[in-house]
Amino acid sequence: MSELPVYMIVNLHVTNAEEYRMYEKGFFPILKKYGGEFITYDDQSHTFEGVGRKGRMIIFSFPSEQKARDWFADPDYQALSKHRRAGTEMQFLTMVHSLPPRS
């Protein structure tokens, strides 16, 4: 498994703001527990080519693939994610690896 940073890219549509707010309130402490960093989100992203996705695009990172996997498997995160599942329609949650350093 890579020790290089990984980026998480999420596309979701909020269907229940109250449920999603409950998720957001607990998200950041668990993210930080695994060294994660929130980068940005956009409710009006623009697709130049391909099939555009509606909803919110979110980008955050972890220092390694293992940290990302540990975050997702964390029982506290899984318990919290029930609010995301109840409050959104998820299109995808994707992990993208960093390029290795060039020699």
Protein backbone atom coordinates (compact mmCIF):
# COMPACT_ATOMS: atom_id res chain seq x y z
CA MET A 1 0.00 0.00 0.00
CA SER A 2 1.19 3.47 -0.87
CA GLU A 3 2.65 5.82 1.72
CA LEU A 4 1.96 8.71 -0.64
CA PRO A 5 -0.98 11.05 -0.02
CA VAL A 6 -4.36 10.08 -1.43
CA TYR A 7 -7.28 12.30 -2.35
CA MET A 8 -10.92 11.51 -1.75
CA ILE A 9 -13.39 12.85 -4.29
CA VAL A 10 -17.07 12.75 -3.44
CA ASN A 11 -20.18 13.60 -5.41
CA LEU A 12 -23.46 13.71 -3.56
CA HIS A 13 -26.79 15.47 -3.62
CA VAL A 14 -28.19 16.66 -0.27
CA THR A 15 -31.79 15.48 0.08
CA ASN A 16 -32.26 16.09 3.82
CA ALA A 17 -30.29 19.07 5.14
CA GLU A 18 -30.94 18.25 8.81
CA GLU A 19 -29.51 14.71 8.50
CA TYR A 20 -26.56 15.98 6.48
CA ARG A 21 -25.78 18.70 9.08
CA MET A 22 -25.60 15.99 11.74
CA TYR A 23 -23.05 14.20 9.54
CA GLU A 24 -21.02 17.36 8.94
CA LYS A 25 -20.82 18.14 12.67
CA GLY A 26 -19.11 14.84 13.41
CA PHE A 27 -17.09 14.52 10.21
CA PHE A 28 -14.16 16.83 10.90
CA PRO A 29 -12.95 15.36 14.22
CA ILE A 30 -12.86 11.87 12.68
CA LEU A 31 -11.13 13.20 9.56
CA LYS A 32 -8.42 14.84 11.70
CA LYS A 33 -8.00 11.64 13.77
CA TYR A 34 -6.52 10.02 10.64
CA GLY A 35 -4.47 13.01 9.51
CA GLY A 36 -7.06 13.97 6.91
CA GLU A 37 -7.36 17.46 5.51
CA PHE A 38 -10.44 19.06 4.00
CA ILE A 39 -9.54 20.78 0.71
CA THR A 40 -12.74 22.18 -0.80
CA TYR A 41 -16.31 21.64 -1.89
CA ASP A 42 -18.37 23.09 -4.71
CA ASP A 43 -22.12 23.06 -5.21
CA GLN A 44 -21.78 24.41 -8.77
CA SER A 45 -18.90 22.51 -10.37
CA HIS A 46 -18.53 22.68 -14.14
CA THR A 47 -17.92 19.70 -16.43
CA PHE A 48 -16.13 20.60 -19.66
CA GLU A 49 -16.46 17.16 -21.22
CA GLY A 50 -18.23 13.93 -20.37
CA VAL A 51 -21.32 13.40 -18.27
CA GLY A 52 -21.77 16.18 -15.74
CA ARG A 53 -22.66 15.35 -12.16
CA LYS A 54 -25.22 17.34 -10.24
CA GLY A 55 -24.84 18.04 -6.56
CA ARG A 56 -21.91 18.75 -4.31
CA MET A 57 -18.35 17.82 -5.18
CA ILE A 58 -16.06 17.45 -2.15
CA ILE A 59 -12.28 16.93 -2.05
CA PHE A 60 -10.24 15.96 1.00
CA SER A 61 -6.97 14.10 1.53
CA PHE A 62 -5.13 11.65 3.77
CA PRO A 63 -1.38 11.20 4.21
CA SER A 64 -1.56 7.59 2.97
CA GLU A 65 -3.91 4.99 1.53
CA GLN A 66 -3.85 3.10 4.84
CA LYS A 67 -5.00 6.19 6.75
CA ALA A 68 -7.88 6.60 4.29
CA ARG A 69 -8.89 2.97 4.64
CA ASP A 70 -8.65 3.18 8.44
CA TRP A 71 -10.83 6.32 8.42
CA PHE A 72 -13.51 4.65 6.33
CA ALA A 73 -13.47 1.50 8.49
CA ASP A 74 -13.54 3.42 11.79
CA PRO A 75 -16.65 2.32 13.75
CA ASP A 76 -17.33 5.93 14.79
CA TYR A 77 -17.23 7.04 11.16
CA GLN A 78 -19.48 4.19 10.06
CA ALA A 79 -21.98 5.09 12.80
CA LEU A 80 -21.84 8.76 11.74
CA SER A 81 -22.19 7.94 8.05
CA LYS A 82 -25.76 6.72 8.63
CA HIS A 83 -26.68 10.44 8.66
CA ARG A 84 -24.95 10.98 5.30
CA ARG A 85 -26.72 7.98 3.86
CA ALA A 86 -30.08 9.20 5.20
CA GLY A 87 -29.51 12.79 4.05
CA THR A 88 -27.93 12.41 0.61
CA GLU A 89 -27.95 10.55 -2.66
CA MET A 90 -24.31 9.51 -3.11
CA GLN A 91 -23.00 9.23 -6.65
CA PHE A 92 -19.47 8.21 -5.64
CA LEU A 93 -16.73 8.31 -3.01
CA THR A 94 -13.48 7.70 -4.86
CA MET A 95 -9.86 7.46 -3.70
CA VAL A 96 -7.21 8.87 -6.07
CA HIS A 97 -3.53 8.14 -5.46
CA SER A 98 -0.75 10.73 -5.68
CA LEU A 99 1.93 10.31 -8.27
CA PRO A 100 5.20 8.91 -6.93
CA PRO A 101 8.09 11.38 -6.84
CA ARG A 102 10.12 11.59 -10.05
CA SER A 103 13.78 10.65 -9.84
